[in-house]
Amino acid sequence: MNEENISPSNFTFYTKISDKCSWSHNTIAKFEGNKMPGSITCFKSIQNNYVLVYGNMKNYQIEIYDIKKNRLEDNGIIEKAHSSYINNIKHYKKGIIDFLLSSSQDNSIKLWNYNNRLNLKTIKNASHNYWIFWPSCLTTCLLFKDEKKYFISCDAYGDPNLKCWDYQGKQIKDGKFNDFVMFIDNYIDQHNNNIIITCGTEGIILINFNDFKKYRQYHEDNDKTDHRWAQIFEFNEKKKLIETDASGFVRIWNYDNENLLMKITNNPYDGGNKCLFGACLFGEYYLISGGQNQKLNAFNLLNGTKVAEIDGKFNDKVITVLSMNVESLGWCLFANDGNYHLNMLNIKK
């Protein structure tokens, strides 16, 4: 590991949790049967509600769940949101509006006003299915620049090019930077540049939105693993990147010099269908990732050791995991598995 360690003092914005705590949990909600949630996101809304939003894989609607009340919100269903599986849901906040952004195997991108559930914009035919035996895997993110909105999209199983669409639905930029991209997002750097994150077989590649050229790359030589996921986070005015992949590794990268700080073995790939394992920061200096063992795995980021396995009674490999500190409930984890079952767990310190 690089001499630049990740120290506990760097994570002061999280609640301290000890390795010696019980890591006990209780399942406060379980979604099965007709729910069958796919992509998920969670956030605290403008109205100060703590919500979990997911795509219903059964009927392609978007459902908004009130975490504290443990039920769907009033007017919490956006019916007929898409005409096929919802691949991706993200949340954005701008001014006094919460936005939801969704993409689907119907090859469309849709922007929603969370406050009134209205569809603000639809981009049709954002991708094309080039693989006969695979559906679209369209992923997208929303970018704000100069009071304008732009949509960024890519499709691992369709058109591999990274595309930029203006708010009128016109494609204005296009470029190929990475292979088999299943995850994209964006952020604003210290120079006020809009940076796009892509994660694929070439590792993490950052693209500067202004000139639409490669900005930085984080990748181990000879590593061609697909099904990757990444997240950027910041502490002590320094940025780090978390990367997970289907081979069962978690990597922590130094944003500034592209050095690999830590490589953690999660659960090695054991055959079968590959999965895109997500991860999230939890507590003061912990990372929780899904894995092949149908459990959530908690790691201490100071030394890379596994400190807990959290058995949420999943039915398959755990694909997505999110965390949020919910008022009156404490820390909650939201995770779904390969059979599209979603569990909401309340972690006890």
Protein backbone atom coordinates (compact mmCIF):
# COMPACT_ATOMS: atom_id res chain seq x y z
CA MET A 1 0.00 0.00 0.00
CA ASN A 2 1.14 3.53 -0.72
CA GLU A 3 2.57 5.41 2.27
CA GLU A 4 -0.37 7.82 2.10
CA ASN A 5 -2.74 6.06 4.48
CA ILE A 6 -6.41 6.69 4.94
CA SER A 7 -6.60 7.81 8.56
CA PRO A 8 -9.65 7.97 10.85
CA SER A 9 -9.36 11.76 11.12
CA ASN A 10 -10.12 12.02 7.42
CA PHE A 11 -13.63 10.67 7.92
CA THR A 12 -14.93 13.14 10.48
CA PHE A 13 -18.21 13.58 8.64
CA TYR A 14 -19.29 10.04 9.54
CA THR A 15 -20.32 8.59 12.89
CA LYS A 16 -17.56 6.60 14.55
CA ILE A 17 -18.16 2.85 14.70
CA SER A 18 -15.79 0.39 16.34
CA ASP A 19 -14.56 -2.89 14.83
CA LYS A 20 -15.59 -4.44 18.14
CA CYS A 21 -19.23 -3.43 17.82
CA SER A 22 -21.74 -6.21 17.27
CA TRP A 23 -22.64 -5.15 13.72
CA SER A 24 -26.06 -6.54 14.53
CA HIS A 25 -28.98 -5.58 12.35
CA ASN A 26 -32.66 -6.02 11.88
CA THR A 27 -34.53 -6.13 8.60
CA ILE A 28 -37.08 -3.32 8.66
CA ALA A 29 -38.42 -3.89 5.17
CA LYS A 30 -38.19 -6.64 2.58
CA PHE A 31 -39.42 -6.27 -0.98
CA GLU A 32 -40.30 -9.42 -2.87
CA GLY A 33 -42.79 -10.85 -5.33
CA ASN A 34 -44.48 -8.13 -7.35
CA LYS A 35 -42.07 -5.44 -6.13
CA MET A 36 -38.91 -6.96 -7.64
CA PRO A 37 -36.81 -3.76 -7.38
CA GLY A 38 -33.99 -3.19 -9.83
CA SER A 39 -31.95 0.01 -9.69
CA ILE A 40 -32.20 1.90 -6.39
CA THR A 41 -31.27 5.28 -4.91
CA CYS A 42 -31.90 6.93 -1.53
CA PHE A 43 -31.78 10.54 -0.37
CA LYS A 44 -33.19 13.20 1.93
CA SER A 45 -35.61 15.27 -0.13
CA ILE A 46 -36.21 19.04 -0.15
CA GLN A 47 -39.24 18.34 2.05
CA ASN A 48 -36.92 16.60 4.56
CA ASN A 49 -38.33 13.16 3.82
CA TYR A 50 -35.97 10.18 3.82
CA VAL A 51 -36.85 8.18 0.75
CA LEU A 52 -35.81 5.08 -1.14
CA VAL A 53 -36.60 5.12 -4.86
CA TYR A 54 -36.50 2.00 -7.01
CA GLY A 55 -37.58 0.72 -10.38
CA ASN A 56 -40.23 -1.99 -10.21
CA MET A 57 -39.02 -4.78 -12.48
CA LYS A 58 -42.50 -6.29 -12.74
CA ASN A 59 -44.47 -3.41 -14.23
CA TYR A 60 -41.74 -0.85 -15.04
CA GLN A 61 -43.05 1.81 -12.69
CA ILE A 62 -40.97 3.95 -10.30
CA GLU A 63 -41.87 3.59 -6.63
CA ILE A 64 -40.98 6.03 -3.83
CA TYR A 65 -40.74 4.56 -0.35
CA ASP A 66 -40.88 6.58 2.88
CA ILE A 67 -38.13 5.05 5.01
CA LYS A 68 -39.24 6.41 8.39
CA LYS A 69 -42.90 5.51 7.88
CA ASN A 70 -41.91 2.15 6.37
CA ARG A 71 -44.41 2.39 3.52
CA LEU A 72 -44.85 3.87 0.07
CA GLU A 73 -45.20 7.64 0.06
CA ASP A 74 -48.56 9.17 -0.72
CA ASN A 75 -48.57 9.53 -4.49
CA GLY A 76 -45.48 7.35 -4.36
CA ILE A 77 -45.94 5.50 -7.65
CA ILE A 78 -45.04 6.81 -11.09
CA GLU A 79 -47.01 4.45 -13.27
CA LYS A 80 -45.82 3.41 -16.73
CA ALA A 81 -42.54 5.24 -16.17
CA HIS A 82 -40.97 3.05 -18.87
CA SER A 83 -42.04 0.26 -21.19
CA SER A 84 -39.26 -2.16 -20.17
CA TYR A 85 -36.85 -2.88 -17.32
CA ILE A 86 -35.45 0.19 -15.57
CA ASN A 87 -31.65 -0.06 -15.63
CA ASN A 88 -30.71 3.05 -13.74
CA ILE A 89 -32.18 5.60 -11.29
CA LYS A 90 -30.28 8.60 -9.94
CA HIS A 91 -31.19 11.59 -7.77
CA TYR A 92 -30.08 15.20 -8.29
CA LYS A 93 -30.85 18.33 -6.37
CA LYS A 94 -30.84 21.79 -7.96
CA GLY A 95 -32.26 24.82 -6.16
CA ILE A 96 -35.59 23.87 -4.65
CA ILE A 97 -36.19 20.89 -6.94
CA ASP A 98 -35.32 17.22 -6.50
CA PHE A 99 -34.83 15.49 -9.84
CA LEU A 100 -35.00 11.79 -10.66
CA LEU A 101 -33.22 10.49 -13.73
CA SER A 102 -34.03 7.06 -15.14
CA SER A 103 -32.90 4.94 -18.07
CA SER A 104 -34.39 1.72 -19.34
CA GLN A 105 -34.06 -1.25 -21.67
CA ASP A 106 -36.64 0.57 -23.79
CA ASN A 107 -33.60 2.69 -24.80
CA SER A 108 -35.03 5.89 -23.34
CA ILE A 109 -33.75 8.42 -20.77
CA LYS A 110 -36.30 10.27 -18.66
CA LEU A 111 -36.01 13.22 -16.27
CA TRP A 112 -38.63 13.57 -13.52
CA ASN A 113 -39.59 16.28 -11.07
CA TYR A 114 -39.62 14.36 -7.80
CA ASN A 115 -41.74 17.03 -6.08
CA ASN A 116 -44.77 16.59 -8.37
CA ARG A 117 -43.79 13.30 -10.12
CA LEU A 118 -44.05 14.88 -13.58
CA ASN A 119 -41.95 13.76 -16.54
CA LEU A 120 -39.94 16.81 -17.61
CA LYS A 121 -38.00 15.37 -20.55
CA THR A 122 -37.76 12.12 -22.51
CA ILE A 123 -34.95 11.18 -24.89
CA LYS A 124 -36.03 8.29 -27.08
CA ASN A 125 -33.68 5.94 -28.93
CA ALA A 126 -30.73 6.93 -26.74
CA SER A 127 -29.14 3.57 -27.58
CA HIS A 128 -29.52 0.65 -29.95
CA ASN A 129 -29.30 -3.08 -29.24
CA TYR A 130 -26.35 -4.37 -31.24
CA TRP A 131 -26.10 -7.70 -29.39
CA ILE A 132 -28.82 -10.11 -30.46
CA PHE A 133 -28.96 -12.10 -27.22
CA TRP A 134 -28.53 -9.22 -24.75
CA PRO A 135 -30.90 -6.36 -23.90
CA SER A 136 -29.86 -2.75 -23.62
CA CYS A 137 -27.82 -1.81 -20.55
CA LEU A 138 -28.29 1.93 -20.93
CA THR A 139 -26.84 4.00 -18.07
CA THR A 140 -26.95 7.77 -17.72
CA CYS A 141 -26.23 10.81 -15.57
CA LEU A 142 -27.40 14.43 -15.46
CA LEU A 143 -24.95 17.31 -15.76
CA PHE A 144 -25.60 20.97 -14.89
CA LYS A 145 -23.50 23.64 -16.60
CA ASP A 146 -24.15 27.36 -17.11
CA GLU A 147 -27.77 26.96 -15.95
CA LYS A 148 -28.29 24.29 -18.61
CA LYS A 149 -28.95 20.57 -18.27
CA TYR A 150 -27.16 17.87 -20.24
CA PHE A 151 -27.61 14.10 -20.33
CA ILE A 152 -24.64 11.74 -20.57
CA SER A 153 -25.26 8.13 -21.63
CA CYS A 154 -23.51 4.89 -22.54
CA ASP A 155 -24.58 1.29 -23.14
CA ALA A 156 -22.33 -1.68 -22.38
CA TYR A 157 -24.40 -4.04 -24.53
CA GLY A 158 -25.29 -1.52 -27.22
CA ASP A 159 -23.49 1.53 -28.54
CA PRO A 160 -20.17 1.72 -26.58
CA ASN A 161 -19.70 5.43 -27.28
CA LEU A 162 -20.18 7.98 -24.53
CA LYS A 163 -22.84 10.43 -25.71
CA CYS A 164 -23.93 13.87 -24.59
CA TRP A 165 -27.43 15.18 -25.22
CA ASP A 166 -28.69 18.72 -24.75
CA TYR A 167 -32.03 19.37 -23.04
CA GLN A 168 -33.82 19.43 -26.40
CA GLY A 169 -32.70 15.84 -26.98
CA LYS A 170 -30.08 16.64 -29.62
CA GLN A 171 -26.85 14.64 -29.48
CA ILE A 172 -24.03 17.20 -29.31
CA LYS A 173 -20.97 15.18 -28.26
CA ASP A 174 -19.75 11.65 -28.84
CA GLY A 175 -16.60 9.65 -28.08
CA LYS A 176 -15.29 6.20 -27.18
CA PHE A 177 -13.09 6.15 -24.08
CA ASN A 178 -13.71 2.82 -22.35
CA ASP A 179 -15.07 -0.66 -23.11
CA PHE A 180 -18.09 -2.32 -21.53
CA VAL A 181 -19.11 0.74 -19.51
CA MET A 182 -21.85 -0.13 -17.00
CA PHE A 183 -21.41 2.89 -14.73
CA ILE A 184 -21.14 6.64 -15.36
CA ASP A 185 -21.50 9.68 -13.12
CA ASN A 186 -20.16 13.21 -12.89
CA TYR A 187 -18.86 15.81 -10.44
CA ILE A 188 -17.34 19.32 -10.45
CA ASP A 189 -13.59 19.52 -9.70
CA GLN A 190 -11.63 22.23 -7.88
CA HIS A 191 -11.23 24.18 -11.14
CA ASN A 192 -15.01 24.20 -11.71
CA ASN A 193 -14.71 21.70 -14.56
CA ASN A 194 -17.47 19.16 -15.11
CA ILE A 195 -15.81 15.74 -14.99
CA ILE A 196 -17.51 12.55 -16.20
CA ILE A 197 -16.63 9.24 -14.52
CA THR A 198 -16.75 6.06 -16.62
CA CYS A 199 -15.98 2.59 -15.32
CA GLY A 200 -15.28 -0.31 -17.71
CA THR A 201 -12.70 -2.89 -18.74
CA GLU A 202 -10.04 -0.14 -18.96
CA GLY A 203 -10.65 0.77 -15.31
CA ILE A 204 -11.84 4.21 -14.25
CA ILE A 205 -11.50 6.86 -16.95
CA LEU A 206 -12.36 10.50 -16.30
CA ILE A 207 -13.46 12.75 -19.17
CA ASN A 208 -13.46 16.53 -19.14
CA PHE A 209 -16.88 17.62 -20.36
CA ASN A 210 -15.58 20.87 -21.86
CA ASP A 211 -13.33 19.32 -24.51
CA PHE A 212 -14.73 15.77 -24.23
CA LYS A 213 -11.25 14.28 -23.89
CA LYS A 214 -9.71 11.80 -21.47
CA TYR A 215 -8.62 13.53 -18.29
CA ARG A 216 -7.27 10.75 -16.07
CA GLN A 217 -7.18 6.96 -15.90
CA TYR A 218 -7.00 4.57 -12.93
CA HIS A 219 -6.18 1.04 -14.00
CA GLU A 220 -3.94 -1.90 -13.13
CA ASP A 221 -1.86 -3.27 -16.01
CA ASN A 222 -3.27 -6.36 -17.71
CA ASP A 223 -6.54 -6.14 -15.79
CA LYS A 224 -9.43 -6.56 -18.23
CA THR A 225 -12.21 -7.36 -15.77
CA ASP A 226 -15.62 -6.12 -16.82
CA HIS A 227 -18.67 -5.31 -14.66
CA ARG A 228 -17.07 -2.45 -12.73
CA TRP A 229 -18.53 0.21 -10.46
CA ALA A 230 -16.90 3.37 -9.04
CA GLN A 231 -17.57 6.23 -6.64
CA ILE A 232 -15.66 9.41 -5.82
CA PHE A 233 -15.51 10.75 -2.27
CA GLU A 234 -13.64 13.56 -0.57
CA PHE A 235 -12.13 14.22 2.84
CA ASN A 236 -9.47 16.65 4.10
CA GLU A 237 -9.77 18.36 0.71
CA LYS A 238 -8.42 15.22 -0.96
CA LYS A 239 -10.38 13.03 -3.34
CA LYS A 240 -10.30 9.24 -3.45
CA LEU A 241 -11.96 6.77 -5.81
CA ILE A 242 -13.55 3.48 -4.77
CA GLU A 243 -13.73 0.80 -7.45
CA THR A 244 -15.33 -2.65 -7.30
CA ASP A 245 -15.46 -5.34 -9.98
CA ALA A 246 -16.94 -8.74 -10.74
CA SER A 247 -13.64 -10.48 -9.87
CA GLY A 248 -14.23 -9.67 -6.22
CA PHE A 249 -11.74 -6.85 -5.68
CA VAL A 250 -12.21 -3.45 -4.08
CA ARG A 251 -9.65 -0.78 -4.97
CA ILE A 252 -9.01 2.62 -3.40
CA TRP A 253 -7.26 5.10 -5.72
CA ASN A 254 -5.59 8.44 -5.04
CA TYR A 255 -7.47 10.90 -7.23
CA ASP A 256 -4.55 13.34 -7.68
CA ASN A 257 -1.71 11.02 -8.72
CA GLU A 258 -3.64 7.91 -9.89
CA ASN A 259 -1.80 5.71 -7.35
CA LEU A 260 -3.45 2.56 -6.05
CA LEU A 261 -3.66 3.01 -2.27
CA MET A 262 -5.34 -0.24 -1.31
CA LYS A 263 -6.61 -3.44 -2.92
CA ILE A 264 -9.04 -5.53 -0.90
CA THR A 265 -10.13 -9.07 -1.73
CA ASN A 266 -13.89 -9.22 -1.31
CA ASN A 267 -15.30 -12.50 -2.61
CA PRO A 268 -13.46 -13.94 -5.65
CA TYR A 269 -15.55 -14.72 -8.69
CA ASP A 270 -16.75 -18.32 -8.48
CA GLY A 271 -18.30 -18.77 -11.89
CA GLY A 272 -21.86 -18.30 -13.08
CA ASN A 273 -23.32 -14.97 -14.09
CA LYS A 274 -21.07 -12.01 -13.40
CA CYS A 275 -22.49 -9.20 -11.30
CA LEU A 276 -21.73 -5.53 -10.87
CA PHE A 277 -21.06 -5.25 -7.13
CA GLY A 278 -21.63 -1.84 -5.62
CA ALA A 279 -20.13 -0.48 -2.40
CA CYS A 280 -20.72 2.39 -0.02
CA LEU A 281 -18.95 4.21 2.79
CA PHE A 282 -20.36 3.46 6.21
CA GLY A 283 -19.56 4.87 9.62
CA GLU A 284 -16.31 6.75 10.08
CA TYR A 285 -13.90 4.65 8.07
CA TYR A 286 -15.65 1.55 6.81
CA LEU A 287 -16.67 0.29 3.41
CA ILE A 288 -19.51 -2.15 2.83
CA SER A 289 -19.68 -4.13 -0.40
CA GLY A 290 -21.92 -6.80 -1.85
CA GLY A 291 -20.46 -10.10 -2.87
CA GLN A 292 -20.72 -13.66 -4.11
CA ASN A 293 -21.43 -15.01 -0.61
CA GLN A 294 -24.98 -13.57 -0.51
CA LYS A 295 -23.94 -11.28 2.33
CA LEU A 296 -22.79 -7.72 2.88
CA ASN A 297 -19.08 -7.53 3.67
CA ALA A 298 -17.71 -4.75 5.90
CA PHE A 299 -14.07 -3.67 5.59
CA ASN A 300 -11.88 -1.35 7.67
CA LEU A 301 -10.36 1.11 5.21
CA LEU A 302 -7.34 1.72 7.46
CA ASN A 303 -5.92 -1.75 6.93
CA GLY A 304 -8.20 -3.49 4.42
CA THR A 305 -9.31 -6.19 6.83
CA LYS A 306 -12.80 -7.65 6.78
CA VAL A 307 -14.50 -6.87 10.10
CA ALA A 308 -17.96 -8.29 9.55
CA GLU A 309 -20.26 -10.27 7.33
CA ILE A 310 -23.84 -9.04 7.50
CA ASP A 311 -26.36 -11.71 6.63
CA GLY A 312 -29.44 -9.95 5.31
CA LYS A 313 -31.01 -13.23 4.19
CA PHE A 314 -30.44 -12.49 0.53
CA ASN A 315 -31.38 -15.00 -2.15
CA ASP A 316 -28.46 -14.41 -4.50
CA LYS A 317 -25.29 -12.38 -4.96
CA VAL A 318 -25.65 -8.90 -3.44
CA ILE A 319 -25.36 -6.40 -6.29
CA THR A 320 -26.15 -2.91 -5.01
CA VAL A 321 -25.65 -1.46 -1.56
CA LEU A 322 -26.39 2.07 -0.32
CA SER A 323 -26.20 3.62 3.15
CA MET A 324 -27.89 6.59 4.80
CA ASN A 325 -28.07 7.96 8.34
CA VAL A 326 -31.82 8.33 8.90
CA GLU A 327 -33.17 10.59 11.61
CA SER A 328 -34.62 8.55 14.54
CA LEU A 329 -33.56 5.25 12.92
CA GLY A 330 -29.78 5.61 12.66
CA TRP A 331 -27.73 3.96 9.96
CA CYS A 332 -29.68 2.06 7.34
CA LEU A 333 -28.39 -0.13 4.53
CA PHE A 334 -30.31 -0.76 1.32
CA ALA A 335 -29.18 -3.71 -0.77
CA ASN A 336 -30.61 -5.82 -3.57
CA ASP A 337 -29.52 -9.17 -4.94
CA GLY A 338 -29.37 -10.93 -8.29
CA ASN A 339 -32.96 -12.10 -7.92
CA TYR A 340 -34.12 -8.49 -7.56
CA HIS A 341 -35.01 -8.77 -3.89
CA LEU A 342 -34.37 -5.62 -1.87
CA ASN A 343 -33.70 -5.55 1.87
CA MET A 344 -33.58 -2.50 4.13
CA LEU A 345 -31.41 -3.16 7.20
CA ASN A 346 -31.01 -1.05 10.32
CA ILE A 347 -27.46 -1.46 11.67
CA LYS A 348 -26.98 -1.37 15.45
CA LYS A 349 -23.74 -0.05 16.92
